[in-house]
PDB file of all heavy atoms in Angstrom:
ATOM      1  N   LEU A   1      44.347  97.197 281.879  1.00  0.00           N
ATOM      2  CA  LEU A   1      43.391  96.171 282.310  1.00  0.00           C
ATOM      3  C   LEU A   1      42.071  96.869 282.633  1.00  0.00           C
ATOM      4  O   LEU A   1      41.858  97.340 283.745  1.00  0.00           O
ATOM      5  CB  LEU A   1      43.922  95.409 283.531  1.00  0.00           C
ATOM      6  CG  LEU A   1      45.054  94.405 283.276  1.00  0.00           C
ATOM      7  CD1 LEU A   1      46.344  95.101 282.867  1.00  0.00           C
ATOM      8  CD2 LEU A   1      45.321  93.560 284.527  1.00  0.00           C
ATOM      9  N   HIS A   2      41.197  96.928 281.646  1.00  0.00           N
ATOM     10  CA  HIS A   2      39.976  97.723 281.778  1.00  0.00           C
ATOM     11  C   HIS A   2      38.742  96.888 282.090  1.00  0.00           C
ATOM     12  O   HIS A   2      37.665  97.440 282.315  1.00  0.00           O
ATOM     13  CB  HIS A   2      39.743  98.533 280.504  1.00  0.00           C
ATOM     14  CG  HIS A   2      39.647  97.697 279.266  1.00  0.00           C
ATOM     15  ND1 HIS A   2      38.466  97.128 278.848  1.00  0.00           N
ATOM     16  CD2 HIS A   2      40.599  97.327 278.375  1.00  0.00           C
ATOM     17  CE1 HIS A   2      38.689  96.437 277.731  1.00  0.00           C
ATOM     18  NE2 HIS A   2      39.966  96.544 277.431  1.00  0.00           N
ATOM     19  N   GLU A   3      38.873  95.567 282.115  1.00  0.00           N
ATOM     20  CA  GLU A   3      37.762  94.704 282.514  1.00  0.00           C
ATOM     21  C   GLU A   3      37.999  94.294 283.972  1.00  0.00           C
ATOM     22  O   GLU A   3      38.869  93.478 284.263  1.00  0.00           O
ATOM     23  CB  GLU A   3      37.655  93.490 281.602  1.00  0.00           C
ATOM     24  CG  GLU A   3      37.299  93.849 280.163  1.00  0.00           C
ATOM     25  CD  GLU A   3      37.046  92.626 279.312  1.00  0.00           C
ATOM     26  OE1 GLU A   3      36.588  91.594 279.860  1.00  0.00           O
ATOM     27  OE2 GLU A   3      37.312  92.702 278.098  1.00  0.00           O
ATOM     28  N   VAL A   4      37.241  94.889 284.866  1.00  0.00           N
ATOM     29  CA  VAL A   4      37.437  94.709 286.302  1.00  0.00           C
ATOM     30  C   VAL A   4      36.481  93.635 286.809  1.00  0.00           C
ATOM     31  O   VAL A   4      35.258  93.751 286.647  1.00  0.00           O
ATOM     32  CB  VAL A   4      37.210  96.042 287.048  1.00  0.00           C
ATOM     33  CG1 VAL A   4      37.343  95.838 288.552  1.00  0.00           C
ATOM     34  CG2 VAL A   4      38.201  97.098 286.556  1.00  0.00           C
ATOM     35  N   CYS A   5      37.049  92.595 287.411  1.00  0.00           N
ATOM     36  CA  CYS A   5      36.266  91.454 287.895  1.00  0.00           C
ATOM     37  C   CYS A   5      36.452  91.364 289.413  1.00  0.00           C
ATOM     38  O   CYS A   5      37.593  91.236 289.884  1.00  0.00           O
ATOM     39  CB  CYS A   5      36.748  90.164 287.234  1.00  0.00           C
ATOM     40  SG  CYS A   5      36.877  90.246 285.422  1.00  0.00           S
ATOM     41  N   ILE A   6      35.381  91.442 290.144  1.00  0.00           N
ATOM     42  CA  ILE A   6      35.464  91.526 291.606  1.00  0.00           C
ATOM     43  C   ILE A   6      34.778  90.317 292.238  1.00  0.00           C
ATOM     44  O   ILE A   6      33.609  90.027 291.941  1.00  0.00           O
ATOM     45  CB  ILE A   6      34.839  92.834 292.122  1.00  0.00           C
ATOM     46  CG1 ILE A   6      35.524  94.043 291.460  1.00  0.00           C
ATOM     47  CG2 ILE A   6      34.964  92.914 293.641  1.00  0.00           C
ATOM     48  CD1 ILE A   6      34.956  95.386 291.882  1.00  0.00           C
ATOM     49  N   VAL A   7      35.516  89.613 293.098  1.00  0.00           N
ATOM     50  CA  VAL A   7      34.957  88.504 293.864  1.00  0.00           C
ATOM     51  C   VAL A   7      34.516  89.063 295.207  1.00  0.00           C
ATOM     52  O   VAL A   7      35.346  89.493 296.018  1.00  0.00           O
ATOM     53  CB  VAL A   7      35.993  87.384 294.063  1.00  0.00           C
ATOM     54  CG1 VAL A   7      35.402  86.258 294.910  1.00  0.00           C
ATOM     55  CG2 VAL A   7      36.453  86.835 292.715  1.00  0.00           C
ATOM     56  N   THR A   8      33.226  89.077 295.437  1.00  0.00           N
ATOM     57  CA  THR A   8      32.677  89.679 296.648  1.00  0.00           C
ATOM     58  C   THR A   8      32.125  88.596 297.584  1.00  0.00           C
ATOM     59  O   THR A   8      32.217  87.401 297.309  1.00  0.00           O
ATOM     60  CB  THR A   8      31.557  90.677 296.312  1.00  0.00           C
ATOM     61  OG1 THR A   8      30.443  89.956 295.754  1.00  0.00           O
ATOM     62  CG2 THR A   8      32.029  91.726 295.336  1.00  0.00           C
ATOM     63  N   GLY A   9      31.539  89.054 298.679  1.00  0.00           N
ATOM     64  CA  GLY A   9      30.911  88.156 299.637  1.00  0.00           C
ATOM     65  C   GLY A   9      29.740  88.856 300.281  1.00  0.00           C
ATOM     66  O   GLY A   9      29.353  89.961 299.893  1.00  0.00           O
ATOM     67  N   ARG A  10      29.166  88.238 301.304  1.00  0.00           N
ATOM     68  CA  ARG A  10      28.036  88.840 301.996  1.00  0.00           C
ATOM     69  C   ARG A  10      28.447  90.181 302.605  1.00  0.00           C
ATOM     70  O   ARG A  10      29.545  90.330 303.129  1.00  0.00           O
ATOM     71  CB  ARG A  10      27.533  87.897 303.096  1.00  0.00           C
ATOM     72  CG  ARG A  10      26.807  86.676 302.565  1.00  0.00           C
ATOM     73  CD  ARG A  10      26.331  85.764 303.691  1.00  0.00           C
ATOM     74  NE  ARG A  10      27.459  85.224 304.448  1.00  0.00           N
ATOM     75  CZ  ARG A  10      28.171  84.167 304.054  1.00  0.00           C
ATOM     76  NH1 ARG A  10      27.892  83.566 302.912  1.00  0.00           N
ATOM     77  NH2 ARG A  10      29.169  83.731 304.802  1.00  0.00           N
ATOM     78  N   GLY A  11      27.558  91.161 302.518  1.00  0.00           N
ATOM     79  CA  GLY A  11      27.818  92.461 303.111  1.00  0.00           C
ATOM     80  C   GLY A  11      28.739  93.347 302.294  1.00  0.00           C
ATOM     81  O   GLY A  11      29.278  94.324 302.816  1.00  0.00           O
ATOM     82  N   LYS A  12      28.929  93.021 301.016  1.00  0.00           N
ATOM     83  CA  LYS A  12      29.880  93.766 300.184  1.00  0.00           C
ATOM     84  C   LYS A  12      29.190  94.583 299.088  1.00  0.00           C
ATOM     85  O   LYS A  12      29.828  94.968 298.111  1.00  0.00           O
ATOM     86  CB  LYS A  12      30.872  92.788 299.544  1.00  0.00           C
ATOM     87  CG  LYS A  12      31.707  92.010 300.542  1.00  0.00           C
ATOM     88  CD  LYS A  12      32.903  92.807 301.003  1.00  0.00           C
ATOM     89  CE  LYS A  12      33.843  91.978 301.856  1.00  0.00           C
ATOM     90  NZ  LYS A  12      35.158  92.591 302.019  1.00  0.00           N
ATOM     91  N   ARG A  13      27.906  94.864 299.242  1.00  0.00           N
ATOM     92  CA  ARG A  13      27.180  95.569 298.192  1.00  0.00           C
ATOM     93  C   ARG A  13      27.721  96.976 297.938  1.00  0.00           C
ATOM     94  O   ARG A  13      27.528  97.548 296.870  1.00  0.00           O
ATOM     95  CB  ARG A  13      25.691  95.646 298.543  1.00  0.00           C
ATOM     96  CG  ARG A  13      24.963  94.293 298.477  1.00  0.00           C
ATOM     97  CD  ARG A  13      24.997  93.719 297.069  1.00  0.00           C
ATOM     98  NE  ARG A  13      24.344  94.591 296.128  1.00  0.00           N
ATOM     99  CZ  ARG A  13      23.031  94.587 295.874  1.00  0.00           C
ATOM    100  NH1 ARG A  13      22.248  93.748 296.510  1.00  0.00           N
ATOM    101  NH2 ARG A  13      22.518  95.413 294.988  1.00  0.00           N
ATOM    102  N   ALA A  14      28.406  97.543 298.924  1.00  0.00           N
ATOM    103  CA  ALA A  14      28.962  98.884 298.736  1.00  0.00           C
ATOM    104  C   ALA A  14      29.958  98.919 297.586  1.00  0.00           C
ATOM    105  O   ALA A  14      30.136  99.960 296.944  1.00  0.00           O
ATOM    106  CB  ALA A  14      29.635  99.359 300.028  1.00  0.00           C
ATOM    107  N   LEU A  15      30.633  97.795 297.305  1.00  0.00           N
ATOM    108  CA  LEU A  15      31.564  97.740 296.182  1.00  0.00           C
ATOM    109  C   LEU A  15      30.827  97.922 294.861  1.00  0.00           C
ATOM    110  O   LEU A  15      31.257  98.678 293.983  1.00  0.00           O
ATOM    111  CB  LEU A  15      32.331  96.417 296.194  1.00  0.00           C
ATOM    112  CG  LEU A  15      33.263  96.192 297.384  1.00  0.00           C
ATOM    113  CD1 LEU A  15      33.783  94.759 297.389  1.00  0.00           C
ATOM    114  CD2 LEU A  15      34.416  97.165 297.360  1.00  0.00           C
ATOM    115  N   ASP A  16      29.708  97.219 294.702  1.00  0.00           N
ATOM    116  CA  ASP A  16      28.884  97.379 293.494  1.00  0.00           C
ATOM    117  C   ASP A  16      28.407  98.820 293.365  1.00  0.00           C
ATOM    118  O   ASP A  16      28.472  99.418 292.290  1.00  0.00           O
ATOM    119  CB  ASP A  16      27.656  96.459 293.554  1.00  0.00           C
ATOM    120  CG  ASP A  16      27.992  95.004 293.795  1.00  0.00           C
ATOM    121  OD1 ASP A  16      28.832  94.721 294.659  1.00  0.00           O
ATOM    122  OD2 ASP A  16      27.416  94.143 293.115  1.00  0.00           O
ATOM    123  N   ASP A  17      27.922  99.370 294.487  1.00  0.00           N
ATOM    124  CA  ASP A  17      27.338 100.711 294.452  1.00  0.00           C
ATOM    125  C   ASP A  17      28.388 101.777 294.144  1.00  0.00           C
ATOM    126  O   ASP A  17      28.073 102.794 293.505  1.00  0.00           O
ATOM    127  CB  ASP A  17      26.665 101.028 295.795  1.00  0.00           C
ATOM    128  CG  ASP A  17      25.422 100.185 296.034  1.00  0.00           C
ATOM    129  OD1 ASP A  17      24.864  99.662 295.041  1.00  0.00           O
ATOM    130  OD2 ASP A  17      25.016 100.045 297.195  1.00  0.00           O
ATOM    131  N   HIS A  18      29.621 101.564 294.600  1.00  0.00           N
ATOM    132  CA  HIS A  18      30.647 102.594 294.395  1.00  0.00           C
ATOM    133  C   HIS A  18      30.925 102.806 292.911  1.00  0.00           C
ATOM    134  O   HIS A  18      31.148 103.943 292.474  1.00  0.00           O
ATOM    135  CB  HIS A  18      31.931 102.212 295.122  1.00  0.00           C
ATOM    136  CG  HIS A  18      32.988 103.277 295.069  1.00  0.00           C
ATOM    137  ND1 HIS A  18      32.837 104.512 295.676  1.00  0.00           N
ATOM    138  CD2 HIS A  18      34.192 103.318 294.437  1.00  0.00           C
ATOM    139  CE1 HIS A  18      33.912 105.248 295.445  1.00  0.00           C
ATOM    140  NE2 HIS A  18      34.750 104.551 294.694  1.00  0.00           N
ATOM    141  N   PHE A  19      30.909 101.724 292.155  1.00  0.00           N
ATOM    142  CA  PHE A  19      31.189 101.832 290.722  1.00  0.00           C
ATOM    143  C   PHE A  19      29.885 101.891 289.925  1.00  0.00           C
ATOM    144  O   PHE A  19      29.732 101.248 288.885  1.00  0.00           O
ATOM    145  CB  PHE A  19      32.069 100.666 290.272  1.00  0.00           C
ATOM    146  CG  PHE A  19      33.427 100.676 290.915  1.00  0.00           C
ATOM    147  CD1 PHE A  19      33.736  99.775 291.924  1.00  0.00           C
ATOM    148  CD2 PHE A  19      34.389 101.598 290.541  1.00  0.00           C
ATOM    149  CE1 PHE A  19      34.986  99.786 292.535  1.00  0.00           C
ATOM    150  CE2 PHE A  19      35.642 101.625 291.142  1.00  0.00           C
ATOM    151  CZ  PHE A  19      35.936 100.719 292.140  1.00  0.00           C
ATOM    152  N   ASP A  20      28.959 102.675 290.413  1.00  0.00           N
ATOM    153  CA  ASP A  20      27.659 102.851 289.762  1.00  0.00           C
ATOM    154  C   ASP A  20      27.227 104.305 289.961  1.00  0.00           C
ATOM    155  O   ASP A  20      27.806 105.044 290.756  1.00  0.00           O
ATOM    156  CB  ASP A  20      26.632 101.896 290.370  1.00  0.00           C
ATOM    157  CG  ASP A  20      25.411 101.693 289.482  1.00  0.00           C
ATOM    158  OD1 ASP A  20      25.335 102.327 288.399  1.00  0.00           O
ATOM    159  OD2 ASP A  20      24.528 100.917 289.876  1.00  0.00           O
ATOM    160  N   ILE A  21      26.210 104.711 289.243  1.00  0.00           N
ATOM    161  CA  ILE A  21      25.691 106.079 289.346  1.00  0.00           C
ATOM    162  C   ILE A  21      24.830 106.210 290.594  1.00  0.00           C
ATOM    163  O   ILE A  21      24.009 105.333 290.897  1.00  0.00           O
ATOM    164  CB  ILE A  21      24.870 106.441 288.084  1.00  0.00           C
ATOM    165  CG1 ILE A  21      25.778 106.444 286.851  1.00  0.00           C
ATOM    166  CG2 ILE A  21      24.211 107.809 288.243  1.00  0.00           C
ATOM    167  CD1 ILE A  21      25.021 106.601 285.540  1.00  0.00           C
ATOM    168  N   ASN A  22      25.001 107.302 291.312  1.00  0.00           N
ATOM    169  CA  ASN A  22      24.133 107.644 292.439  1.00  0.00           C
ATOM    170  C   ASN A  22      23.348 108.886 292.014  1.00  0.00           C
ATOM    171  O   ASN A  22      23.811 110.014 292.182  1.00  0.00           O
ATOM    172  CB  ASN A  22      24.962 107.924 293.695  1.00  0.00           C
ATOM    173  CG  ASN A  22      24.113 108.187 294.922  1.00  0.00           C
ATOM    174  OD1 ASN A  22      22.999 108.709 294.818  1.00  0.00           O
ATOM    175  ND2 ASN A  22      24.640 107.848 296.090  1.00  0.00           N
ATOM    176  N   TYR A  23      22.173 108.671 291.433  1.00  0.00           N
ATOM    177  CA  TYR A  23      21.430 109.765 290.808  1.00  0.00           C
ATOM    178  C   TYR A  23      21.084 110.883 291.791  1.00  0.00           C
ATOM    179  O   TYR A  23      21.228 112.065 291.482  1.00  0.00           O
ATOM    180  CB  TYR A  23      20.142 109.220 290.171  1.00  0.00           C
ATOM    181  CG  TYR A  23      20.392 108.408 288.925  1.00  0.00           C
ATOM    182  CD1 TYR A  23      20.343 107.022 288.954  1.00  0.00           C
ATOM    183  CD2 TYR A  23      20.673 109.037 287.708  1.00  0.00           C
ATOM    184  CE1 TYR A  23      20.575 106.272 287.813  1.00  0.00           C
ATOM    185  CE2 TYR A  23      20.897 108.298 286.552  1.00  0.00           C
ATOM    186  CZ  TYR A  23      20.852 106.914 286.617  1.00  0.00           C
ATOM    187  OH  TYR A  23      21.088 106.177 285.480  1.00  0.00           O
ATOM    188  N   GLU A  24      20.615 110.514 292.990  1.00  0.00           N
ATOM    189  CA  GLU A  24      20.196 111.532 293.962  1.00  0.00           C
ATOM    190  C   GLU A  24      21.373 112.396 294.393  1.00  0.00           C
ATOM    191  O   GLU A  24      21.294 113.629 294.390  1.00  0.00           O
ATOM    192  CB  GLU A  24      19.563 110.857 295.183  1.00  0.00           C
ATOM    193  CG  GLU A  24      19.034 111.855 296.203  1.00  0.00           C
ATOM    194  CD  GLU A  24      18.324 111.185 297.356  1.00  0.00           C
ATOM    195  OE1 GLU A  24      18.073 109.969 297.279  1.00  0.00           O
ATOM    196  OE2 GLU A  24      18.020 111.882 298.339  1.00  0.00           O
ATOM    197  N   LEU A  25      22.498 111.753 294.756  1.00  0.00           N
ATOM    198  CA  LEU A  25      23.677 112.503 295.174  1.00  0.00           C
ATOM    199  C   LEU A  25      24.176 113.401 294.050  1.00  0.00           C
ATOM    200  O   LEU A  25      24.448 114.593 294.257  1.00  0.00           O
ATOM    201  CB  LEU A  25      24.787 111.535 295.599  1.00  0.00           C
ATOM    202  CG  LEU A  25      26.165 112.165 295.817  1.00  0.00           C
ATOM    203  CD1 LEU A  25      26.147 113.133 296.992  1.00  0.00           C
ATOM    204  CD2 LEU A  25      27.221 111.088 296.021  1.00  0.00           C
ATOM    205  N   GLU A  26      24.292 112.843 292.864  1.00  0.00           N
ATOM    206  CA  GLU A  26      24.860 113.609 291.759  1.00  0.00           C
ATOM    207  C   GLU A  26      23.949 114.764 291.343  1.00  0.00           C
ATOM    208  O   GLU A  26      24.427 115.808 290.894  1.00  0.00           O
ATOM    209  CB  GLU A  26      25.169 112.669 290.591  1.00  0.00           C
ATOM    210  CG  GLU A  26      26.245 111.655 290.968  1.00  0.00           C
ATOM    211  CD  GLU A  26      26.687 110.771 289.809  1.00  0.00           C
ATOM    212  OE1 GLU A  26      26.684 111.258 288.653  1.00  0.00           O
ATOM    213  OE2 GLU A  26      27.031 109.603 290.056  1.00  0.00           O
ATOM    214  N   HIS A  27      22.651 114.584 291.520  1.00  0.00           N
ATOM    215  CA  HIS A  27      21.725 115.691 291.246  1.00  0.00           C
ATOM    216  C   HIS A  27      21.912 116.813 292.262  1.00  0.00           C
ATOM    217  O   HIS A  27      21.888 118.002 291.904  1.00  0.00           O
ATOM    218  CB  HIS A  27      20.280 115.187 291.286  1.00  0.00           C
ATOM    219  CG  HIS A  27      19.267 116.285 291.150  1.00  0.00           C
ATOM    220  ND1 HIS A  27      19.021 116.940 289.959  1.00  0.00           N
ATOM    221  CD2 HIS A  27      18.440 116.871 292.079  1.00  0.00           C
ATOM    222  CE1 HIS A  27      18.098 117.869 290.137  1.00  0.00           C
ATOM    223  NE2 HIS A  27      17.729 117.839 291.419  1.00  0.00           N
ATOM    224  N   GLN A  28      22.129 116.431 293.528  1.00  0.00           N
ATOM    225  CA  GLN A  28      22.258 117.429 294.593  1.00  0.00           C
ATOM    226  C   GLN A  28      23.515 118.293 294.425  1.00  0.00           C
ATOM    227  O   GLN A  28      23.507 119.478 294.742  1.00  0.00           O
ATOM    228  CB  GLN A  28      22.288 116.736 295.958  1.00  0.00           C
ATOM    229  CG  GLN A  28      20.952 116.147 296.382  1.00  0.00           C
ATOM    230  CD  GLN A  28      19.899 117.209 296.623  1.00  0.00           C
ATOM    231  OE1 GLN A  28      20.200 118.299 297.103  1.00  0.00           O
ATOM    232  NE2 GLN A  28      18.652 116.912 296.270  1.00  0.00           N
ATOM    233  N   ILE A  29      24.602 117.712 293.929  1.00  0.00           N
ATOM    234  CA  ILE A  29      25.858 118.470 293.838  1.00  0.00           C
ATOM    235  C   ILE A  29      26.118 119.000 292.426  1.00  0.00           C
ATOM    236  O   ILE A  29      27.142 119.645 292.191  1.00  0.00           O
ATOM    237  CB  ILE A  29      27.060 117.619 294.300  1.00  0.00           C
ATOM    238  CG1 ILE A  29      27.294 116.441 293.348  1.00  0.00           C
ATOM    239  CG2 ILE A  29      26.864 117.150 295.733  1.00  0.00           C
ATOM    240  CD1 ILE A  29      28.545 115.651 293.685  1.00  0.00           C
ATOM    241  N   GLN A  30      25.185 118.745 291.521  1.00  0.00           N
ATOM    242  CA  GLN A  30      25.387 119.200 290.144  1.00  0.00           C
ATOM    243  C   GLN A  30      25.546 120.723 290.085  1.00  0.00           C
ATOM    244  O   GLN A  30      24.788 121.476 290.690  1.00  0.00           O
ATOM    245  CB  GLN A  30      24.194 118.784 289.266  1.00  0.00           C
ATOM    246  CG  GLN A  30      24.385 119.075 287.789  1.00  0.00           C
ATOM    247  CD  GLN A  30      23.225 118.532 286.966  1.00  0.00           C
ATOM    248  OE1 GLN A  30      22.240 118.034 287.504  1.00  0.00           O
ATOM    249  NE2 GLN A  30      23.346 118.608 285.655  1.00  0.00           N
ATOM    250  N   GLY A  31      26.576 121.161 289.381  1.00  0.00           N
ATOM    251  CA  GLY A  31      26.822 122.595 289.237  1.00  0.00           C
ATOM    252  C   GLY A  31      27.562 123.236 290.385  1.00  0.00           C
ATOM    253  O   GLY A  31      27.828 124.437 290.354  1.00  0.00           O
ATOM    254  N   THR A  32      27.907 122.448 291.429  1.00  0.00           N
ATOM    255  CA  THR A  32      28.660 122.986 292.559  1.00  0.00           C
ATOM    256  C   THR A  32      30.122 122.560 292.454  1.00  0.00           C
ATOM    257  O   THR A  32      30.491 121.710 291.638  1.00  0.00           O
ATOM    258  CB  THR A  32      28.081 122.491 293.899  1.00  0.00           C
ATOM    259  OG1 THR A  32      28.422 121.095 294.067  1.00  0.00           O
ATOM    260  CG2 THR A  32      26.572 122.661 293.933  1.00  0.00           C
ATOM    261  N   SER A  33      30.952 123.127 293.326  1.00  0.00           N
ATOM    262  CA  SER A  33      32.373 122.772 293.330  1.00  0.00           C
ATOM    263  C   SER A  33      32.596 121.317 293.719  1.00  0.00           C
ATOM    264  O   SER A  33      33.622 120.723 293.378  1.00  0.00           O
ATOM    265  CB  SER A  33      33.134 123.685 294.293  1.00  0.00           C
ATOM    266  OG  SER A  33      32.614 123.554 295.617  1.00  0.00           O
ATOM    267  N   LYS A  34      31.646 120.716 294.422  1.00  0.00           N
ATOM    268  CA  LYS A  34      31.784 119.333 294.865  1.00  0.00           C
ATOM    269  C   LYS A  34      31.667 118.349 293.703  1.00  0.00           C
ATOM    270  O   LYS A  34      32.108 117.194 293.814  1.00  0.00           O
ATOM    271  CB  LYS A  34      30.742 119.003 295.933  1.00  0.00           C
ATOM    272  CG  LYS A  34      30.931 119.771 297.236  1.00  0.00           C
ATOM    273  CD  LYS A  34      29.976 119.290 298.300  1.00  0.00           C
ATOM    274  CE  LYS A  34      30.129 120.103 299.585  1.00  0.00           C
ATOM    275  NZ  LYS A  34      31.469 119.960 300.166  1.00  0.00           N
ATOM    276  N   GLU A  35      31.078 118.776 292.611  1.00  0.00           N
ATOM    277  CA  GLU A  35      30.914 117.869 291.469  1.00  0.00           C
ATOM    278  C   GLU A  35      32.267 117.381 290.951  1.00  0.00           C
ATOM    279  O   GLU A  35      32.403 116.231 290.504  1.00  0.00           O
ATOM    280  CB  GLU A  35      30.135 118.562 290.347  1.00  0.00           C
ATOM    281  CG  GLU A  35      29.735 117.623 289.225  1.00  0.00           C
ATOM    282  CD  GLU A  35      28.799 118.282 288.226  1.00  0.00           C
ATOM    283  OE1 GLU A  35      28.723 119.529 288.218  1.00  0.00           O
ATOM    284  OE2 GLU A  35      28.149 117.552 287.463  1.00  0.00           O
ATOM    285  N   GLU A  36      33.290 118.214 291.052  1.00  0.00           N
ATOM    286  CA  GLU A  36      34.613 117.852 290.568  1.00  0.00           C
ATOM    287  C   GLU A  36      35.205 116.678 291.344  1.00  0.00           C
ATOM    288  O   GLU A  36      36.027 115.924 290.815  1.00  0.00           O
ATOM    289  CB  GLU A  36      35.543 119.069 290.663  1.00  0.00           C
ATOM    290  CG  GLU A  36      36.985 118.824 290.233  1.00  0.00           C
ATOM    291  CD  GLU A  36      37.091 118.369 288.787  1.00  0.00           C
ATOM    292  OE1 GLU A  36      36.204 118.706 287.965  1.00  0.00           O
ATOM    293  OE2 GLU A  36      38.078 117.668 288.471  1.00  0.00           O
ATOM    294  N   THR A  37      34.767 116.490 292.595  1.00  0.00           N
ATOM    295  CA  THR A  37      35.325 115.400 293.402  1.00  0.00           C
ATOM    296  C   THR A  37      34.938 114.032 292.857  1.00  0.00           C
ATOM    297  O   THR A  37      35.550 113.025 293.226  1.00  0.00           O
ATOM    298  CB  THR A  37      34.849 115.505 294.866  1.00  0.00           C
ATOM    299  OG1 THR A  37      33.418 115.400 294.917  1.00  0.00           O
ATOM    300  CG2 THR A  37      35.283 116.827 295.487  1.00  0.00           C
TER     301      THR A  37
END
């Protein structure tokens, strides 16, 4: 089941953000051991 459909509500934007790219964070840890996490 690869099409994920999420019913959210007010104050739930963290769900959207979790399954999205965080450019600043990923740039900061690029090339370090933390990138594997």
